[in-house]
Amino acid sequence: MLKQRIITALVLLPIALGGFFLLDGAAFALFIGAVVVLGGWEWARLAGFATQPLRIAYAALVAALLYGLYLTPALAPWLLAAALLWWVLATLLVLGYPASSRYWGGLPGKLLIGLLILLPAWQGLVLLKQWPQANGLIIAVMVLVWGADIGAYFAGKTFGKRKLAPSVSPGKSWEGLYGGLAASLLITLAVGLQQGWSAGGLLLALAGAALVVLLSVVGDLTESMFKRQSGIKDSSNLLPGHGGVLDRIDSLTAAIPLFAALLWLAGWGSL
């Protein structure tokens, strides 16, 4: 398993780095779109589509909607707003699971939720790529989320006692959440001090980082909830040793729309 994970990472890392940081404009949108369409194919399985033609049809729907969004950028603010409303609702659904499944357990609800998860994440990244210091922004949101994941892992391993969401993901603890949050805040603080941010700017950045990380946890738990409901361990086996695409980006699907929205509110970029 470890060998598989290493080989997969070595193959994917240069592709991911090249796609994220060397591509621009339509090429970047297409690259991210390809990842999201694969996520749509995986989501169709979580939603209950048992056959490949149906899963491919859902992935094709995702691709068509992405193309429509690319042609109508004026929809971006509405899509981000819909995403934020969805993730607030998702928080309640996760907290209320398994009883909450009666609200979303049907096929139509699952398919709609897949769109609310995948499309705004694509839109958020496309927006970040258009704004000043684009690559730095993309690195920032990834470092925040992955730094929090690492902090949560070690804090949970060392101190974890109280279960965060036992019905959804028994391995996660409140102590892990606190550790992940602390790691992300320390990263933000270090960057702010190095960049010479004002006290007010630093406080806003810390608050924003905390919100992004907390929502990234909801993204992780939401996919775990759907996998548990479906009796599935991994979203697919597309990435040997790592599971599927959704297993790698679940936290980012929630974090990216909020990160983009906060930057827009701060006047960093335009929609």
C-alpha atoms as a PDB file:
ATOM      1  CA  MET A   1       0.000   0.000   0.000  1.00  0.00           C
ATOM      2  CA  LEU A   2       2.760   2.454   0.910  1.00  0.00           C
ATOM      3  CA  LYS A   3       4.601   1.674  -2.330  1.00  0.00           C
ATOM      4  CA  GLN A   4       1.404   2.312  -4.304  1.00  0.00           C
ATOM      5  CA  ARG A   5       0.843   5.614  -2.528  1.00  0.00           C
ATOM      6  CA  ILE A   6       4.387   6.770  -3.268  1.00  0.00           C
ATOM      7  CA  ILE A   7       4.250   5.768  -6.944  1.00  0.00           C
ATOM      8  CA  THR A   8       0.875   7.463  -7.429  1.00  0.00           C
ATOM      9  CA  ALA A   9       2.108  10.619  -5.718  1.00  0.00           C
ATOM     10  CA  LEU A  10       5.276  10.730  -7.831  1.00  0.00           C
ATOM     11  CA  VAL A  11       3.223  10.419 -11.022  1.00  0.00           C
ATOM     12  CA  LEU A  12       0.531  12.916 -10.061  1.00  0.00           C
ATOM     13  CA  LEU A  13       2.687  15.579  -8.416  1.00  0.00           C
ATOM     14  CA  PRO A  14       4.306  16.985 -11.586  1.00  0.00           C
ATOM     15  CA  ILE A  15       0.959  16.860 -13.398  1.00  0.00           C
ATOM     16  CA  ALA A  16      -0.769  18.734 -10.586  1.00  0.00           C
ATOM     17  CA  LEU A  17       2.002  21.311 -10.231  1.00  0.00           C
ATOM     18  CA  GLY A  18       2.103  21.920 -13.963  1.00  0.00           C
ATOM     19  CA  GLY A  19      -1.659  22.211 -14.216  1.00  0.00           C
ATOM     20  CA  PHE A  20      -2.062  24.539 -11.267  1.00  0.00           C
ATOM     21  CA  PHE A  21       0.866  26.852 -11.842  1.00  0.00           C
ATOM     22  CA  LEU A  22       1.780  26.757 -15.539  1.00  0.00           C
ATOM     23  CA  LEU A  23      -1.665  26.903 -17.122  1.00  0.00           C
ATOM     24  CA  ASP A  24      -3.819  30.012 -17.419  1.00  0.00           C
ATOM     25  CA  GLY A  25      -7.180  31.034 -18.793  1.00  0.00           C
ATOM     26  CA  ALA A  26      -9.137  28.410 -20.702  1.00  0.00           C
ATOM     27  CA  ALA A  27      -6.392  25.797 -20.308  1.00  0.00           C
ATOM     28  CA  PHE A  28      -6.492  26.141 -16.514  1.00  0.00           C
ATOM     29  CA  ALA A  29     -10.298  26.011 -16.470  1.00  0.00           C
ATOM     30  CA  LEU A  30     -10.170  22.862 -18.604  1.00  0.00           C
ATOM     31  CA  PHE A  31      -7.552  21.221 -16.380  1.00  0.00           C
ATOM     32  CA  ILE A  32      -9.545  21.868 -13.198  1.00  0.00           C
ATOM     33  CA  GLY A  33     -12.701  20.912 -15.052  1.00  0.00           C
ATOM     34  CA  ALA A  34     -11.251  17.504 -15.895  1.00  0.00           C
ATOM     35  CA  VAL A  35     -10.582  16.867 -12.201  1.00  0.00           C
ATOM     36  CA  VAL A  36     -14.089  17.988 -11.276  1.00  0.00           C
ATOM     37  CA  VAL A  37     -15.684  15.802 -13.965  1.00  0.00           C
ATOM     38  CA  LEU A  38     -13.828  12.789 -12.559  1.00  0.00           C
ATOM     39  CA  GLY A  39     -15.196  13.795  -9.177  1.00  0.00           C
ATOM     40  CA  GLY A  40     -18.660  13.884 -10.725  1.00  0.00           C
ATOM     41  CA  TRP A  41     -18.222  10.351 -12.029  1.00  0.00           C
ATOM     42  CA  GLU A  42     -17.283   9.240  -8.518  1.00  0.00           C
ATOM     43  CA  TRP A  43     -20.162  11.154  -6.961  1.00  0.00           C
ATOM     44  CA  ALA A  44     -22.637   9.328  -9.187  1.00  0.00           C
ATOM     45  CA  ARG A  45     -21.525   6.122  -7.485  1.00  0.00           C
ATOM     46  CA  LEU A  46     -22.063   7.652  -4.045  1.00  0.00           C
ATOM     47  CA  ALA A  47     -25.489   8.823  -5.188  1.00  0.00           C
ATOM     48  CA  GLY A  48     -26.491   5.282  -6.105  1.00  0.00           C
ATOM     49  CA  PHE A  49     -25.932   4.979  -9.849  1.00  0.00           C
ATOM     50  CA  ALA A  50     -24.960   1.337 -10.201  1.00  0.00           C
ATOM     51  CA  THR A  51     -24.056   1.250 -13.895  1.00  0.00           C
ATOM     52  CA  GLN A  52     -21.251   2.951 -15.790  1.00  0.00           C
ATOM     53  CA  PRO A  53     -23.515   4.548 -18.434  1.00  0.00           C
ATOM     54  CA  LEU A  54     -25.453   6.400 -15.726  1.00  0.00           C
ATOM     55  CA  ARG A  55     -22.272   7.499 -13.973  1.00  0.00           C
ATOM     56  CA  ILE A  56     -20.800   8.718 -17.240  1.00  0.00           C
ATOM     57  CA  ALA A  57     -24.039  10.564 -18.004  1.00  0.00           C
ATOM     58  CA  TYR A  58     -23.815  12.415 -14.681  1.00  0.00           C
ATOM     59  CA  ALA A  59     -20.163  13.253 -15.332  1.00  0.00           C
ATOM     60  CA  ALA A  60     -21.205  14.562 -18.758  1.00  0.00           C
ATOM     61  CA  LEU A  61     -23.834  16.746 -17.080  1.00  0.00           C
ATOM     62  CA  VAL A  62     -21.148  18.162 -14.794  1.00  0.00           C
ATOM     63  CA  ALA A  63     -18.948  18.873 -17.821  1.00  0.00           C
ATOM     64  CA  ALA A  64     -21.799  20.612 -19.655  1.00  0.00           C
ATOM     65  CA  LEU A  65     -22.598  22.788 -16.645  1.00  0.00           C
ATOM     66  CA  LEU A  66     -18.940  23.728 -16.241  1.00  0.00           C
ATOM     67  CA  TYR A  67     -18.840  24.808 -19.860  1.00  0.00           C
ATOM     68  CA  GLY A  68     -21.964  26.872 -19.326  1.00  0.00           C
ATOM     69  CA  LEU A  69     -20.431  28.535 -16.286  1.00  0.00           C
ATOM     70  CA  TYR A  70     -17.270  29.312 -18.225  1.00  0.00           C
ATOM     71  CA  LEU A  71     -19.357  31.059 -20.875  1.00  0.00           C
ATOM     72  CA  THR A  72     -21.405  33.010 -18.295  1.00  0.00           C
ATOM     73  CA  PRO A  73     -18.982  34.389 -15.679  1.00  0.00           C
ATOM     74  CA  ALA A  74     -21.718  36.680 -14.340  1.00  0.00           C
ATOM     75  CA  LEU A  75     -23.113  33.632 -12.538  1.00  0.00           C
ATOM     76  CA  ALA A  76     -19.983  33.319 -10.371  1.00  0.00           C
ATOM     77  CA  PRO A  77     -21.222  35.351  -7.358  1.00  0.00           C
ATOM     78  CA  TRP A  78     -24.522  33.473  -7.330  1.00  0.00           C
ATOM     79  CA  LEU A  79     -22.729  30.144  -7.456  1.00  0.00           C
ATOM     80  CA  LEU A  80     -20.441  31.080  -4.574  1.00  0.00           C
ATOM     81  CA  ALA A  81     -23.436  32.271  -2.554  1.00  0.00           C
ATOM     82  CA  ALA A  82     -25.250  28.994  -3.233  1.00  0.00           C
ATOM     83  CA  ALA A  83     -22.147  27.087  -2.136  1.00  0.00           C
ATOM     84  CA  LEU A  84     -21.888  28.955   1.150  1.00  0.00           C
ATOM     85  CA  LEU A  85     -25.561  28.333   1.896  1.00  0.00           C
ATOM     86  CA  TRP A  86     -25.089  24.669   1.050  1.00  0.00           C
ATOM     87  CA  TRP A  87     -22.107  24.264   3.373  1.00  0.00           C
ATOM     88  CA  VAL A  88     -24.017  25.845   6.251  1.00  0.00           C
ATOM     89  CA  LEU A  89     -26.790  23.329   5.602  1.00  0.00           C
ATOM     90  CA  ALA A  90     -24.235  20.524   5.260  1.00  0.00           C
ATOM     91  CA  THR A  91     -22.935  21.339   8.730  1.00  0.00           C
ATOM     92  CA  LEU A  92     -26.414  20.754  10.129  1.00  0.00           C
ATOM     93  CA  LEU A  93     -26.837  17.553   8.129  1.00  0.00           C
ATOM     94  CA  VAL A  94     -23.537  16.165   9.399  1.00  0.00           C
ATOM     95  CA  LEU A  95     -24.398  17.048  12.991  1.00  0.00           C
ATOM     96  CA  GLY A  96     -27.801  15.405  12.595  1.00  0.00           C
ATOM     97  CA  TYR A  97     -26.663  12.216  10.846  1.00  0.00           C
ATOM     98  CA  PRO A  98     -28.048   9.542  10.547  1.00  0.00           C
ATOM     99  CA  ALA A  99     -31.476  11.085  11.182  1.00  0.00           C
ATOM    100  CA  SER A 100     -30.738  13.851   8.664  1.00  0.00           C
ATOM    101  CA  SER A 101     -30.448  11.318   5.833  1.00  0.00           C
ATOM    102  CA  ARG A 102     -34.207  11.387   5.410  1.00  0.00           C
ATOM    103  CA  TYR A 103     -33.797  14.846   3.890  1.00  0.00           C
ATOM    104  CA  TRP A 104     -31.143  13.925   1.328  1.00  0.00           C
ATOM    105  CA  GLY A 105     -31.157  10.126   1.056  1.00  0.00           C
ATOM    106  CA  GLY A 106     -33.084  10.050  -2.216  1.00  0.00           C
ATOM    107  CA  LEU A 107     -31.340   9.991  -5.585  1.00  0.00           C
ATOM    108  CA  PRO A 108     -32.458  13.492  -6.736  1.00  0.00           C
ATOM    109  CA  GLY A 109     -31.169  15.096  -3.547  1.00  0.00           C
ATOM    110  CA  LYS A 110     -27.812  13.350  -3.792  1.00  0.00           C
ATOM    111  CA  LEU A 111     -27.363  14.354  -7.423  1.00  0.00           C
ATOM    112  CA  LEU A 112     -28.168  18.003  -6.663  1.00  0.00           C
ATOM    113  CA  ILE A 113     -25.786  18.023  -3.707  1.00  0.00           C
ATOM    114  CA  GLY A 114     -23.027  16.709  -5.952  1.00  0.00           C
ATOM    115  CA  LEU A 115     -23.430  19.769  -8.159  1.00  0.00           C
ATOM    116  CA  LEU A 116     -23.413  22.103  -5.143  1.00  0.00           C
ATOM    117  CA  ILE A 117     -20.142  20.552  -4.013  1.00  0.00           C
ATOM    118  CA  LEU A 118     -18.291  20.309  -7.317  1.00  0.00           C
ATOM    119  CA  LEU A 119     -19.289  23.308  -9.428  1.00  0.00           C
ATOM    120  CA  PRO A 120     -18.466  26.073  -6.902  1.00  0.00           C
ATOM    121  CA  ALA A 121     -15.063  24.523  -6.174  1.00  0.00           C
ATOM    122  CA  TRP A 122     -14.222  24.790  -9.880  1.00  0.00           C
ATOM    123  CA  GLN A 123     -15.578  28.330 -10.007  1.00  0.00           C
ATOM    124  CA  GLY A 124     -13.566  29.370  -6.966  1.00  0.00           C
ATOM    125  CA  LEU A 125     -10.289  28.131  -8.422  1.00  0.00           C
ATOM    126  CA  VAL A 126     -10.986  29.766 -11.783  1.00  0.00           C
ATOM    127  CA  LEU A 127     -11.601  33.070  -9.998  1.00  0.00           C
ATOM    128  CA  LEU A 128      -8.436  32.772  -7.910  1.00  0.00           C
ATOM    129  CA  LYS A 129      -6.437  32.174 -11.085  1.00  0.00           C
ATOM    130  CA  GLN A 130      -7.742  35.471 -12.512  1.00  0.00           C
ATOM    131  CA  TRP A 131      -6.865  37.590  -9.478  1.00  0.00           C
ATOM    132  CA  PRO A 132      -3.566  39.263  -8.460  1.00  0.00           C
ATOM    133  CA  GLN A 133      -0.915  36.854  -7.141  1.00  0.00           C
ATOM    134  CA  ALA A 134      -3.034  33.988  -8.455  1.00  0.00           C
ATOM    135  CA  ASN A 135      -0.579  31.169  -7.834  1.00  0.00           C
ATOM    136  CA  GLY A 136       0.120  32.461  -4.350  1.00  0.00           C
ATOM    137  CA  LEU A 137      -3.598  32.404  -3.557  1.00  0.00           C
ATOM    138  CA  ILE A 138      -3.925  28.819  -4.759  1.00  0.00           C
ATOM    139  CA  ILE A 139      -0.920  27.804  -2.675  1.00  0.00           C
ATOM    140  CA  ALA A 140      -2.368  29.657   0.321  1.00  0.00           C
ATOM    141  CA  VAL A 141      -5.699  27.831   0.396  1.00  0.00           C
ATOM    142  CA  MET A 142      -4.014  24.468  -0.121  1.00  0.00           C
ATOM    143  CA  VAL A 143      -1.430  25.097   2.585  1.00  0.00           C
ATOM    144  CA  LEU A 144      -4.173  26.179   4.981  1.00  0.00           C
ATOM    145  CA  VAL A 145      -6.205  23.033   4.399  1.00  0.00           C
ATOM    146  CA  TRP A 146      -3.344  20.568   4.226  1.00  0.00           C
ATOM    147  CA  GLY A 147      -1.554  22.205   7.151  1.00  0.00           C
ATOM    148  CA  ALA A 148      -4.735  21.812   9.166  1.00  0.00           C
ATOM    149  CA  ASP A 149      -4.978  18.164   8.094  1.00  0.00           C
ATOM    150  CA  ILE A 150      -1.440  17.494   9.294  1.00  0.00           C
ATOM    151  CA  GLY A 151      -2.007  19.340  12.567  1.00  0.00           C
ATOM    152  CA  ALA A 152      -5.260  17.469  13.114  1.00  0.00           C
ATOM    153  CA  TYR A 153      -3.599  14.123  12.444  1.00  0.00           C
ATOM    154  CA  PHE A 154      -0.834  14.576  14.998  1.00  0.00           C
ATOM    155  CA  ALA A 155      -3.029  16.258  17.604  1.00  0.00           C
ATOM    156  CA  GLY A 156      -5.653  13.561  17.213  1.00  0.00           C
ATOM    157  CA  LYS A 157      -3.065  10.783  17.465  1.00  0.00           C
ATOM    158  CA  THR A 158      -1.509  12.308  20.563  1.00  0.00           C
ATOM    159  CA  PHE A 159      -4.446  13.777  22.454  1.00  0.00           C
ATOM    160  CA  GLY A 160      -7.607  12.545  20.731  1.00  0.00           C
ATOM    161  CA  LYS A 161     -10.247  11.325  23.162  1.00  0.00           C
ATOM    162  CA  ARG A 162     -13.552  13.046  22.409  1.00  0.00           C
ATOM    163  CA  LYS A 163     -15.166  12.000  19.129  1.00  0.00           C
ATOM    164  CA  LEU A 164     -16.001  14.859  16.777  1.00  0.00           C
ATOM    165  CA  ALA A 165     -18.658  13.126  14.670  1.00  0.00           C
ATOM    166  CA  PRO A 166     -18.803   9.464  15.713  1.00  0.00           C
ATOM    167  CA  SER A 167     -21.739   8.608  13.456  1.00  0.00           C
ATOM    168  CA  VAL A 168     -19.926   9.966  10.405  1.00  0.00           C
ATOM    169  CA  SER A 169     -16.184   9.563  10.954  1.00  0.00           C
ATOM    170  CA  PRO A 170     -15.290   7.783  14.219  1.00  0.00           C
ATOM    171  CA  GLY A 171     -11.578   8.460  13.790  1.00  0.00           C
ATOM    172  CA  LYS A 172     -11.875  12.239  14.085  1.00  0.00           C
ATOM    173  CA  SER A 173     -11.695  13.955  17.455  1.00  0.00           C
ATOM    174  CA  TRP A 174     -12.283  17.413  18.890  1.00  0.00           C
ATOM    175  CA  GLU A 175      -8.631  17.498  19.907  1.00  0.00           C
ATOM    176  CA  GLY A 176      -7.658  16.853  16.299  1.00  0.00           C
ATOM    177  CA  LEU A 177      -9.892  19.710  15.184  1.00  0.00           C
ATOM    178  CA  TYR A 178      -8.248  22.056  17.672  1.00  0.00           C
ATOM    179  CA  GLY A 179      -4.799  20.917  16.563  1.00  0.00           C
ATOM    180  CA  GLY A 180      -5.619  21.485  12.910  1.00  0.00           C
ATOM    181  CA  LEU A 181      -7.056  24.901  13.644  1.00  0.00           C
ATOM    182  CA  ALA A 182      -3.987  25.847  15.673  1.00  0.00           C
ATOM    183  CA  ALA A 183      -1.669  24.733  12.864  1.00  0.00           C
ATOM    184  CA  SER A 184      -3.497  26.833  10.281  1.00  0.00           C
ATOM    185  CA  LEU A 185      -3.516  29.883  12.542  1.00  0.00           C
ATOM    186  CA  LEU A 186       0.209  29.541  13.209  1.00  0.00           C
ATOM    187  CA  ILE A 187       0.845  29.351   9.458  1.00  0.00           C
ATOM    188  CA  THR A 188      -1.268  32.461   8.880  1.00  0.00           C
ATOM    189  CA  LEU A 189       0.433  34.299  11.735  1.00  0.00           C
ATOM    190  CA  ALA A 190       3.893  33.448  10.411  1.00  0.00           C
ATOM    191  CA  VAL A 191       3.007  34.650   6.909  1.00  0.00           C
ATOM    192  CA  GLY A 192       1.420  37.820   8.244  1.00  0.00           C
ATOM    193  CA  LEU A 193       4.418  38.720  10.370  1.00  0.00           C
ATOM    194  CA  GLN A 194       6.819  37.961   7.534  1.00  0.00           C
ATOM    195  CA  GLN A 195       4.787  40.114   5.142  1.00  0.00           C
ATOM    196  CA  GLY A 196       4.405  42.948   7.638  1.00  0.00           C
ATOM    197  CA  TRP A 197       0.608  42.961   7.725  1.00  0.00           C
ATOM    198  CA  SER A 198      -1.077  45.519   9.964  1.00  0.00           C
ATOM    199  CA  ALA A 199      -2.623  44.352  13.233  1.00  0.00           C
ATOM    200  CA  GLY A 200      -6.104  44.750  11.795  1.00  0.00           C
ATOM    201  CA  GLY A 201      -5.204  42.933   8.600  1.00  0.00           C
ATOM    202  CA  LEU A 202      -3.614  40.108  10.555  1.00  0.00           C
ATOM    203  CA  LEU A 203      -6.683  39.694  12.753  1.00  0.00           C
ATOM    204  CA  LEU A 204      -8.931  39.548   9.699  1.00  0.00           C
ATOM    205  CA  ALA A 205      -6.623  37.006   8.062  1.00  0.00           C
ATOM    206  CA  LEU A 206      -6.639  34.833  11.187  1.00  0.00           C
ATOM    207  CA  ALA A 207     -10.434  34.967  11.374  1.00  0.00           C
ATOM    208  CA  GLY A 208     -10.714  34.113   7.683  1.00  0.00           C
ATOM    209  CA  ALA A 209      -8.241  31.249   8.006  1.00  0.00           C
ATOM    210  CA  ALA A 210     -10.212  29.820  10.918  1.00  0.00           C
ATOM    211  CA  LEU A 211     -13.456  29.937   8.930  1.00  0.00           C
ATOM    212  CA  VAL A 212     -11.850  28.320   5.886  1.00  0.00           C
ATOM    213  CA  VAL A 213     -10.350  25.506   7.957  1.00  0.00           C
ATOM    214  CA  LEU A 214     -13.564  24.858   9.872  1.00  0.00           C
ATOM    215  CA  LEU A 215     -15.508  24.629   6.633  1.00  0.00           C
ATOM    216  CA  SER A 216     -12.861  22.327   5.158  1.00  0.00           C
ATOM    217  CA  VAL A 217     -13.589  19.931   8.020  1.00  0.00           C
ATOM    218  CA  VAL A 218     -17.265  20.047   7.082  1.00  0.00           C
ATOM    219  CA  GLY A 219     -16.286  19.184   3.509  1.00  0.00           C
ATOM    220  CA  ASP A 220     -14.340  16.166   4.715  1.00  0.00           C
ATOM    221  CA  LEU A 221     -17.147  15.015   7.002  1.00  0.00           C
ATOM    222  CA  THR A 222     -19.774  15.512   4.309  1.00  0.00           C
ATOM    223  CA  GLU A 223     -18.079  13.114   1.918  1.00  0.00           C
ATOM    224  CA  SER A 224     -17.560  10.681   4.798  1.00  0.00           C
ATOM    225  CA  MET A 225     -21.286  10.904   5.548  1.00  0.00           C
ATOM    226  CA  PHE A 226     -22.228  10.041   1.979  1.00  0.00           C
ATOM    227  CA  LYS A 227     -19.713   7.193   1.836  1.00  0.00           C
ATOM    228  CA  ARG A 228     -21.026   5.789   5.106  1.00  0.00           C
ATOM    229  CA  GLN A 229     -24.601   6.024   3.856  1.00  0.00           C
ATOM    230  CA  SER A 230     -23.588   4.179   0.680  1.00  0.00           C
ATOM    231  CA  GLY A 231     -21.431   1.599   2.467  1.00  0.00           C
ATOM    232  CA  ILE A 232     -18.379   2.651   0.448  1.00  0.00           C
ATOM    233  CA  LYS A 233     -14.847   3.033   1.834  1.00  0.00           C
ATOM    234  CA  ASP A 234     -13.320   5.076  -1.024  1.00  0.00           C
ATOM    235  CA  SER A 235     -15.017   7.167  -3.691  1.00  0.00           C
ATOM    236  CA  SER A 236     -13.169   5.080  -6.321  1.00  0.00           C
ATOM    237  CA  ASN A 237      -9.794   3.430  -6.960  1.00  0.00           C
ATOM    238  CA  LEU A 238      -8.652   5.931  -9.592  1.00  0.00           C
ATOM    239  CA  LEU A 239      -5.637   6.845  -7.459  1.00  0.00           C
ATOM    240  CA  PRO A 240      -4.008   3.602  -6.274  1.00  0.00           C
ATOM    241  CA  GLY A 241      -3.162   3.822  -2.604  1.00  0.00           C
ATOM    242  CA  HIS A 242      -5.088   7.085  -2.224  1.00  0.00           C
ATOM    243  CA  GLY A 243      -8.658   6.123  -3.096  1.00  0.00           C
ATOM    244  CA  GLY A 244     -10.464   8.432  -5.463  1.00  0.00           C
ATOM    245  CA  VAL A 245     -10.390  12.047  -6.570  1.00  0.00           C
ATOM    246  CA  LEU A 246     -13.083  13.051  -4.076  1.00  0.00           C
ATOM    247  CA  ASP A 247     -11.101  11.466  -1.266  1.00  0.00           C
ATOM    248  CA  ARG A 248      -8.246  13.876  -2.070  1.00  0.00           C
ATOM    249  CA  ILE A 249     -10.266  17.059  -2.623  1.00  0.00           C
ATOM    250  CA  ASP A 250     -13.215  16.739  -0.224  1.00  0.00           C
ATOM    251  CA  SER A 251     -11.866  19.372   2.181  1.00  0.00           C
ATOM    252  CA  LEU A 252     -10.919  21.726  -0.647  1.00  0.00           C
ATOM    253  CA  THR A 253     -14.377  21.610  -2.228  1.00  0.00           C
ATOM    254  CA  ALA A 254     -15.718  23.404   0.833  1.00  0.00           C
ATOM    255  CA  ALA A 255     -12.703  25.601   1.556  1.00  0.00           C
ATOM    256  CA  ILE A 256     -12.148  27.073  -1.916  1.00  0.00           C
ATOM    257  CA  PRO A 257     -15.532  28.803  -2.423  1.00  0.00           C
ATOM    258  CA  LEU A 258     -15.335  30.407   1.021  1.00  0.00           C
ATOM    259  CA  PHE A 259     -11.704  31.430   0.494  1.00  0.00           C
ATOM    260  CA  ALA A 260     -12.632  33.093  -2.806  1.00  0.00           C
ATOM    261  CA  ALA A 261     -15.686  34.791  -1.302  1.00  0.00           C
ATOM    262  CA  LEU A 262     -13.682  36.193   1.619  1.00  0.00           C
ATOM    263  CA  LEU A 263     -11.011  37.555  -0.707  1.00  0.00           C
ATOM    264  CA  TRP A 264     -13.694  39.200  -2.837  1.00  0.00           C
ATOM    265  CA  LEU A 265     -15.270  40.783   0.243  1.00  0.00           C
ATOM    266  CA  ALA A 266     -11.817  42.073   1.191  1.00  0.00           C
ATOM    267  CA  GLY A 267     -11.544  43.721  -2.227  1.00  0.00           C
ATOM    268  CA  TRP A 268      -8.806  41.446  -3.553  1.00  0.00           C
ATOM    269  CA  GLY A 269     -10.479  40.525  -6.828  1.00  0.00           C
ATOM    270  CA  SER A 270     -13.622  41.130  -8.836  1.00  0.00           C
ATOM    271  CA  LEU A 271     -16.440  38.777  -9.760  1.00  0.00           C
END
